[in-house]
Amino acid sequence: MMEEAERQKKEIQPPDPERFEHQLAVGRVFDELIMNIDRNYSNLLLTNDWKVTLIDHSRSFTPYPGIRNKRNLTQCSRQLLEAMRGLSQAKVSAAVGKHLTPAEIKALLARKNQIVSFFEESAASQSGTNVLFP
């Protein structure tokens, strides 16, 4: 394993750049969904087979209902988009228990709705080019 910061410093190229970028894009969408305000290259881990692992979500889930940075919404997997469509207050509440406040859950769902709408509108206007991927 190595950190993304180390990979960039050493200028190591991934064996499949498109797959790698898709993984990073999914991570950026996830970070916007949970409002992770502290993502940096030192908390993106790369496994030996080039899978991206997101760590350190300690500064996430603020009750802000908006999207922090729409520029992070470049691509989304169809699987993630479908999973976000299925998120409901009941499902989120059951999954997080007492770890999130009602305001934090409400904000997460508001962000989810904005992200889903963004990708649906982008896919419709661009015929899905570079917006959604398998």
N, C-alpha and C. Protein backbone atom coordinates (compact mmCIF):
# COMPACT_ATOMS: atom_id res chain seq x y z
N MET A 1 0.83 -1.19 0.00
CA MET A 1 0.00 0.00 0.00
C MET A 1 0.87 1.25 0.00
N MET A 2 0.30 2.31 -0.55
CA MET A 2 0.95 3.60 -0.45
C MET A 2 -0.14 4.67 -0.44
N GLU A 3 0.23 5.84 0.00
CA GLU A 3 -0.68 6.97 -0.03
C GLU A 3 -0.65 7.62 -1.41
N GLU A 4 -1.74 8.24 -1.78
CA GLU A 4 -1.78 8.97 -3.04
C GLU A 4 -0.74 10.09 -3.04
N ALA A 5 -0.48 10.69 -1.89
CA ALA A 5 0.56 11.73 -1.81
C ALA A 5 1.92 11.18 -2.22
N GLU A 6 2.22 9.98 -1.77
CA GLU A 6 3.50 9.34 -2.12
C GLU A 6 3.55 9.01 -3.61
N ARG A 7 2.45 8.50 -4.15
CA ARG A 7 2.39 8.16 -5.57
C ARG A 7 2.67 9.39 -6.43
N GLN A 8 2.03 10.50 -6.06
CA GLN A 8 2.23 11.72 -6.82
C GLN A 8 3.67 12.24 -6.69
N LYS A 9 4.21 12.18 -5.49
CA LYS A 9 5.57 12.66 -5.25
C LYS A 9 6.58 11.86 -6.09
N LYS A 10 6.36 10.55 -6.15
CA LYS A 10 7.27 9.67 -6.91
C LYS A 10 6.90 9.59 -8.39
N GLU A 11 5.81 10.26 -8.76
CA GLU A 11 5.34 10.28 -10.15
C GLU A 11 5.10 8.88 -10.70
N ILE A 12 4.51 8.02 -9.87
CA ILE A 12 4.17 6.66 -10.29
C ILE A 12 2.82 6.70 -11.01
N GLN A 13 2.77 6.11 -12.18
CA GLN A 13 1.54 6.11 -12.96
C GLN A 13 0.76 4.81 -12.72
N PRO A 14 -0.56 4.90 -12.58
CA PRO A 14 -1.36 3.68 -12.41
C PRO A 14 -1.37 2.86 -13.70
N PRO A 15 -1.48 1.55 -13.58
CA PRO A 15 -1.46 0.70 -14.78
C PRO A 15 -2.70 0.90 -15.66
N ASP A 16 -3.81 1.31 -15.06
CA ASP A 16 -5.05 1.57 -15.81
C ASP A 16 -5.56 2.94 -15.39
N PRO A 17 -5.07 4.00 -16.04
CA PRO A 17 -5.42 5.36 -15.63
C PRO A 17 -6.92 5.65 -15.63
N GLU A 18 -7.65 5.09 -16.57
CA GLU A 18 -9.10 5.34 -16.62
C GLU A 18 -9.80 4.74 -15.41
N ARG A 19 -9.48 3.51 -15.08
CA ARG A 19 -10.06 2.86 -13.90
C ARG A 19 -9.69 3.62 -12.63
N PHE A 20 -8.44 4.05 -12.56
CA PHE A 20 -7.97 4.80 -11.40
C PHE A 20 -8.75 6.10 -11.25
N GLU A 21 -8.92 6.83 -12.34
CA GLU A 21 -9.67 8.09 -12.29
C GLU A 21 -11.13 7.85 -11.91
N HIS A 22 -11.72 6.76 -12.39
CA HIS A 22 -13.09 6.43 -11.99
C HIS A 22 -13.18 6.25 -10.47
N GLN A 23 -12.20 5.56 -9.90
CA GLN A 23 -12.20 5.36 -8.45
C GLN A 23 -12.07 6.69 -7.71
N LEU A 24 -11.19 7.55 -8.18
CA LEU A 24 -11.03 8.85 -7.55
C LEU A 24 -12.32 9.67 -7.66
N ALA A 25 -12.98 9.57 -8.82
CA ALA A 25 -14.23 10.31 -9.03
C ALA A 25 -15.32 9.83 -8.07
N VAL A 26 -15.42 8.52 -7.87
CA VAL A 26 -16.38 7.98 -6.92
C VAL A 26 -16.07 8.49 -5.51
N GLY A 27 -14.80 8.53 -5.17
CA GLY A 27 -14.39 9.06 -3.86
C GLY A 27 -14.79 10.52 -3.68
N ARG A 28 -14.64 11.31 -4.74
CA ARG A 28 -15.02 12.73 -4.65
C ARG A 28 -16.52 12.88 -4.48
N VAL A 29 -17.30 12.06 -5.18
CA VAL A 29 -18.76 12.10 -5.02
C VAL A 29 -19.13 11.72 -3.59
N PHE A 30 -18.53 10.66 -3.09
CA PHE A 30 -18.79 10.23 -1.72
C PHE A 30 -18.45 11.32 -0.72
N ASP A 31 -17.30 11.96 -0.92
CA ASP A 31 -16.90 13.03 -0.01
C ASP A 31 -17.88 14.21 -0.05
N GLU A 32 -18.43 14.51 -1.21
CA GLU A 32 -19.44 15.57 -1.29
C GLU A 32 -20.71 15.13 -0.57
N LEU A 33 -21.08 13.87 -0.72
CA LEU A 33 -22.28 13.35 -0.07
C LEU A 33 -22.17 13.46 1.45
N ILE A 34 -21.04 13.05 2.00
CA ILE A 34 -20.88 13.06 3.46
C ILE A 34 -20.29 14.37 3.97
N MET A 35 -20.00 15.29 3.06
CA MET A 35 -19.44 16.60 3.41
C MET A 35 -18.12 16.45 4.16
N ASN A 36 -17.23 15.65 3.57
CA ASN A 36 -15.89 15.48 4.14
C ASN A 36 -15.07 16.71 3.76
N ILE A 37 -14.80 17.55 4.73
CA ILE A 37 -14.08 18.80 4.45
C ILE A 37 -12.58 18.66 4.62
N ASP A 38 -12.12 17.45 4.87
CA ASP A 38 -10.70 17.26 5.17
C ASP A 38 -10.04 16.22 4.28
N ARG A 39 -10.54 16.02 3.07
CA ARG A 39 -9.90 15.04 2.20
C ARG A 39 -8.57 15.61 1.72
N ASN A 40 -7.54 14.79 1.80
CA ASN A 40 -6.24 15.16 1.26
C ASN A 40 -5.57 13.89 0.76
N TYR A 41 -4.49 14.06 0.01
CA TYR A 41 -3.86 12.91 -0.63
C TYR A 41 -3.21 11.94 0.35
N SER A 42 -3.01 12.36 1.59
CA SER A 42 -2.44 11.45 2.58
C SER A 42 -3.49 10.51 3.17
N ASN A 43 -4.76 10.80 2.96
CA ASN A 43 -5.77 9.85 3.44
C ASN A 43 -6.53 9.21 2.29
N LEU A 44 -5.83 9.08 1.16
CA LEU A 44 -6.24 8.21 0.06
C LEU A 44 -5.19 7.12 -0.04
N LEU A 45 -5.55 5.91 0.32
CA LEU A 45 -4.60 4.81 0.27
C LEU A 45 -4.81 4.00 -1.00
N LEU A 46 -3.71 3.52 -1.56
CA LEU A 46 -3.75 2.70 -2.77
C LEU A 46 -3.23 1.31 -2.42
N THR A 47 -4.03 0.32 -2.73
CA THR A 47 -3.61 -1.06 -2.46
C THR A 47 -2.64 -1.50 -3.56
N ASN A 48 -2.03 -2.65 -3.37
CA ASN A 48 -1.08 -3.17 -4.35
C ASN A 48 -1.72 -3.42 -5.71
N ASP A 49 -3.03 -3.68 -5.71
CA ASP A 49 -3.73 -3.89 -7.00
C ASP A 49 -4.46 -2.61 -7.45
N TRP A 50 -4.04 -1.46 -6.93
CA TRP A 50 -4.49 -0.14 -7.36
C TRP A 50 -5.95 0.15 -7.05
N LYS A 51 -6.43 -0.34 -5.94
CA LYS A 51 -7.75 0.05 -5.48
C LYS A 51 -7.59 1.22 -4.51
N VAL A 52 -8.45 2.21 -4.68
CA VAL A 52 -8.40 3.40 -3.84
C VAL A 52 -9.22 3.15 -2.58
N THR A 53 -8.63 3.43 -1.43
CA THR A 53 -9.31 3.28 -0.16
C THR A 53 -9.32 4.64 0.54
N LEU A 54 -10.52 5.11 0.87
CA LEU A 54 -10.68 6.39 1.55
C LEU A 54 -10.61 6.15 3.06
N ILE A 55 -9.75 6.91 3.73
CA ILE A 55 -9.68 6.81 5.19
C ILE A 55 -9.88 8.21 5.78
N ASP A 56 -10.11 8.25 7.06
CA ASP A 56 -10.25 9.48 7.84
C ASP A 56 -11.45 10.31 7.41
N HIS A 57 -12.56 9.99 8.02
CA HIS A 57 -13.80 10.74 7.79
C HIS A 57 -14.21 11.51 9.04
N SER A 58 -13.21 11.88 9.83
CA SER A 58 -13.48 12.51 11.13
C SER A 58 -14.07 13.91 11.01
N ARG A 59 -13.94 14.55 9.87
CA ARG A 59 -14.49 15.90 9.69
C ARG A 59 -15.57 15.86 8.62
N SER A 60 -16.52 14.99 8.81
CA SER A 60 -17.61 14.78 7.85
C SER A 60 -18.96 14.97 8.53
N PHE A 61 -20.00 14.94 7.72
CA PHE A 61 -21.39 14.94 8.17
C PHE A 61 -21.81 16.22 8.88
N THR A 62 -21.33 17.36 8.42
CA THR A 62 -21.81 18.61 8.99
C THR A 62 -23.26 18.82 8.55
N PRO A 63 -24.02 19.63 9.27
CA PRO A 63 -25.43 19.82 8.91
C PRO A 63 -25.65 20.81 7.76
N TYR A 64 -24.61 21.15 7.02
CA TYR A 64 -24.76 22.03 5.86
C TYR A 64 -25.43 21.26 4.72
N PRO A 65 -26.56 21.73 4.18
CA PRO A 65 -27.32 20.96 3.19
C PRO A 65 -26.87 21.12 1.75
N GLY A 66 -25.91 22.00 1.48
CA GLY A 66 -25.50 22.25 0.10
C GLY A 66 -24.30 21.44 -0.33
N ILE A 67 -24.03 21.50 -1.62
CA ILE A 67 -22.84 20.87 -2.17
C ILE A 67 -21.69 21.85 -1.98
N ARG A 68 -20.61 21.38 -1.44
CA ARG A 68 -19.46 22.23 -1.15
C ARG A 68 -18.73 22.63 -2.42
N ASN A 69 -18.51 21.68 -3.32
CA ASN A 69 -17.71 21.95 -4.50
C ASN A 69 -18.22 21.12 -5.68
N LYS A 70 -19.05 21.70 -6.52
CA LYS A 70 -19.60 20.96 -7.67
C LYS A 70 -18.52 20.52 -8.65
N ARG A 71 -17.36 21.17 -8.61
CA ARG A 71 -16.27 20.73 -9.49
C ARG A 71 -15.81 19.31 -9.15
N ASN A 72 -16.11 18.84 -7.95
CA ASN A 72 -15.78 17.46 -7.58
C ASN A 72 -16.71 16.44 -8.22
N LEU A 73 -17.80 16.90 -8.79
CA LEU A 73 -18.78 16.00 -9.39
C LEU A 73 -18.51 15.87 -10.88
N THR A 74 -17.46 15.14 -11.20
CA THR A 74 -17.05 14.99 -12.60
C THR A 74 -17.62 13.72 -13.22
N GLN A 75 -17.67 12.67 -12.45
CA GLN A 75 -18.14 11.36 -12.93
C GLN A 75 -18.76 10.63 -11.76
N CYS A 76 -19.65 9.70 -12.08
CA CYS A 76 -20.27 8.89 -11.03
C CYS A 76 -20.55 7.51 -11.61
N SER A 77 -20.31 6.49 -10.83
CA SER A 77 -20.66 5.16 -11.29
C SER A 77 -22.17 4.99 -11.24
N ARG A 78 -22.70 4.22 -12.15
CA ARG A 78 -24.14 3.96 -12.15
C ARG A 78 -24.57 3.28 -10.85
N GLN A 79 -23.70 2.43 -10.33
CA GLN A 79 -23.98 1.72 -9.08
C GLN A 79 -24.12 2.70 -7.92
N LEU A 80 -23.20 3.67 -7.81
CA LEU A 80 -23.28 4.65 -6.74
C LEU A 80 -24.51 5.53 -6.91
N LEU A 81 -24.79 5.95 -8.13
CA LEU A 81 -25.97 6.78 -8.37
C LEU A 81 -27.25 6.05 -7.97
N GLU A 82 -27.33 4.78 -8.31
CA GLU A 82 -28.52 4.00 -7.94
C GLU A 82 -28.61 3.84 -6.42
N ALA A 83 -27.49 3.62 -5.77
CA ALA A 83 -27.49 3.50 -4.31
C ALA A 83 -27.94 4.81 -3.66
N MET A 84 -27.48 5.94 -4.20
CA MET A 84 -27.90 7.22 -3.63
C MET A 84 -29.40 7.44 -3.84
N ARG A 85 -29.92 7.05 -4.99
CA ARG A 85 -31.36 7.19 -5.23
C ARG A 85 -32.16 6.45 -4.16
N GLY A 86 -31.63 5.33 -3.69
CA GLY A 86 -32.34 4.51 -2.72
C GLY A 86 -32.19 4.96 -1.27
N LEU A 87 -31.37 5.97 -1.03
CA LEU A 87 -31.20 6.44 0.35
C LEU A 87 -32.46 7.15 0.83
N SER A 88 -32.91 6.80 1.99
CA SER A 88 -34.06 7.45 2.61
C SER A 88 -33.69 7.79 4.06
N GLN A 89 -34.49 8.60 4.67
CA GLN A 89 -34.23 8.96 6.06
C GLN A 89 -34.23 7.71 6.94
N ALA A 90 -35.17 6.82 6.68
CA ALA A 90 -35.25 5.59 7.49
C ALA A 90 -34.00 4.74 7.32
N LYS A 91 -33.54 4.59 6.08
CA LYS A 91 -32.35 3.77 5.84
C LYS A 91 -31.10 4.39 6.46
N VAL A 92 -30.94 5.69 6.29
CA VAL A 92 -29.77 6.35 6.86
C VAL A 92 -29.81 6.28 8.38
N SER A 93 -30.97 6.58 8.96
CA SER A 93 -31.11 6.55 10.42
C SER A 93 -30.80 5.16 10.97
N ALA A 94 -31.28 4.12 10.29
CA ALA A 94 -31.02 2.77 10.75
C ALA A 94 -29.53 2.43 10.65
N ALA A 95 -28.87 2.93 9.61
CA ALA A 95 -27.45 2.62 9.41
C ALA A 95 -26.55 3.36 10.38
N VAL A 96 -26.88 4.58 10.71
CA VAL A 96 -25.98 5.39 11.53
C VAL A 96 -26.34 5.41 13.01
N GLY A 97 -27.54 4.96 13.33
CA GLY A 97 -27.96 4.96 14.73
C GLY A 97 -27.91 6.35 15.32
N LYS A 98 -27.28 6.47 16.46
CA LYS A 98 -27.19 7.75 17.16
C LYS A 98 -25.90 8.51 16.83
N HIS A 99 -25.16 8.04 15.81
CA HIS A 99 -23.90 8.69 15.46
C HIS A 99 -24.11 10.01 14.72
N LEU A 100 -25.27 10.19 14.09
CA LEU A 100 -25.58 11.45 13.42
C LEU A 100 -26.84 12.05 14.03
N THR A 101 -26.89 13.36 14.05
CA THR A 101 -28.08 14.05 14.54
C THR A 101 -29.13 14.10 13.44
N PRO A 102 -30.39 14.37 13.80
CA PRO A 102 -31.41 14.52 12.75
C PRO A 102 -31.04 15.61 11.74
N ALA A 103 -30.42 16.70 12.19
CA ALA A 103 -30.01 17.77 11.27
C ALA A 103 -28.93 17.29 10.31
N GLU A 104 -28.00 16.47 10.78
CA GLU A 104 -26.95 15.94 9.91
C GLU A 104 -27.52 14.98 8.87
N ILE A 105 -28.49 14.17 9.29
CA ILE A 105 -29.14 13.25 8.35
C ILE A 105 -29.93 14.03 7.32
N LYS A 106 -30.66 15.03 7.75
CA LYS A 106 -31.44 15.86 6.82
C LYS A 106 -30.53 16.53 5.80
N ALA A 107 -29.38 17.04 6.25
CA ALA A 107 -28.43 17.68 5.34
C ALA A 107 -27.84 16.67 4.37
N LEU A 108 -27.50 15.48 4.84
CA LEU A 108 -26.97 14.44 3.96
C LEU A 108 -27.97 14.12 2.87
N LEU A 109 -29.24 13.99 3.22
CA LEU A 109 -30.27 13.67 2.23
C LEU A 109 -30.48 14.82 1.25
N ALA A 110 -30.34 16.05 1.72
CA ALA A 110 -30.44 17.21 0.82
C ALA A 110 -29.29 17.19 -0.18
N ARG A 111 -28.09 16.88 0.30
CA ARG A 111 -26.94 16.79 -0.61
C ARG A 111 -27.12 15.64 -1.58
N LYS A 112 -27.63 14.53 -1.09
CA LYS A 112 -27.89 13.38 -1.96
C LYS A 112 -28.81 13.77 -3.09
N ASN A 113 -29.88 14.47 -2.78
CA ASN A 113 -30.83 14.88 -3.82
C ASN A 113 -30.17 15.79 -4.84
N GLN A 114 -29.33 16.69 -4.39
CA GLN A 114 -28.64 17.59 -5.32
C GLN A 114 -27.64 16.85 -6.20
N ILE A 115 -26.93 15.91 -5.62
CA ILE A 115 -25.95 15.13 -6.39
C ILE A 115 -26.66 14.28 -7.43
N VAL A 116 -27.72 13.59 -7.03
CA VAL A 116 -28.47 12.76 -7.97
C VAL A 116 -29.02 13.63 -9.10
N SER A 117 -29.62 14.74 -8.78
CA SER A 117 -30.16 15.64 -9.80
C SER A 117 -29.06 16.14 -10.73
N PHE A 118 -27.92 16.50 -10.16
CA PHE A 118 -26.80 16.98 -10.96
C PHE A 118 -26.40 15.95 -12.01
N PHE A 119 -26.23 14.69 -11.59
CA PHE A 119 -25.78 13.67 -12.54
C PHE A 119 -26.88 13.27 -13.51
N GLU A 120 -28.12 13.26 -13.08
CA GLU A 120 -29.21 12.97 -14.00
C GLU A 120 -29.30 14.04 -15.08
N GLU A 121 -29.20 15.30 -14.68
CA GLU A 121 -29.26 16.40 -15.65
C GLU A 121 -28.04 16.40 -16.55
N SER A 122 -26.87 16.14 -15.99
CA SER A 122 -25.65 16.09 -16.79
C SER A 122 -25.70 14.97 -17.81
N ALA A 123 -26.16 13.81 -17.38
CA ALA A 123 -26.25 12.67 -18.29
C ALA A 123 -27.25 12.95 -19.42
N ALA A 124 -28.36 13.59 -19.09
CA ALA A 124 -29.36 13.89 -20.11
C ALA A 124 -28.84 14.91 -21.12
N SER A 125 -28.11 15.90 -20.64
CA SER A 125 -27.65 16.96 -21.54
C SER A 125 -26.41 16.57 -22.34
N GLN A 126 -25.66 15.61 -21.86
CA GLN A 126 -24.43 15.20 -22.54
C GLN A 126 -24.51 13.78 -23.08
N SER A 127 -25.68 13.21 -23.12
CA SER A 127 -25.86 11.83 -23.56
C SER A 127 -25.01 10.86 -22.76
N GLY A 128 -24.72 11.22 -21.51
CA GLY A 128 -23.98 10.31 -20.63
C GLY A 128 -22.48 10.31 -20.83
N THR A 129 -21.95 11.08 -21.76
CA THR A 129 -20.52 11.09 -22.06
C THR A 129 -19.72 11.57 -20.85
N ASN A 130 -18.84 10.73 -20.36
CA ASN A 130 -17.92 11.06 -19.27
C ASN A 130 -18.62 11.49 -17.98
N VAL A 131 -19.89 11.18 -17.84
CA VAL A 131 -20.60 11.54 -16.62
C VAL A 131 -20.87 10.29 -15.80
N LEU A 132 -21.45 9.29 -16.42
CA LEU A 132 -21.74 8.04 -15.74
C LEU A 132 -20.89 6.93 -16.35
N PHE A 133 -20.46 6.02 -15.52
CA PHE A 133 -19.71 4.87 -16.02
C PHE A 133 -20.18 3.63 -15.28
N PRO A 134 -19.91 2.47 -15.85
CA PRO A 134 -20.38 1.22 -15.22
C PRO A 134 -19.92 1.04 -13.80
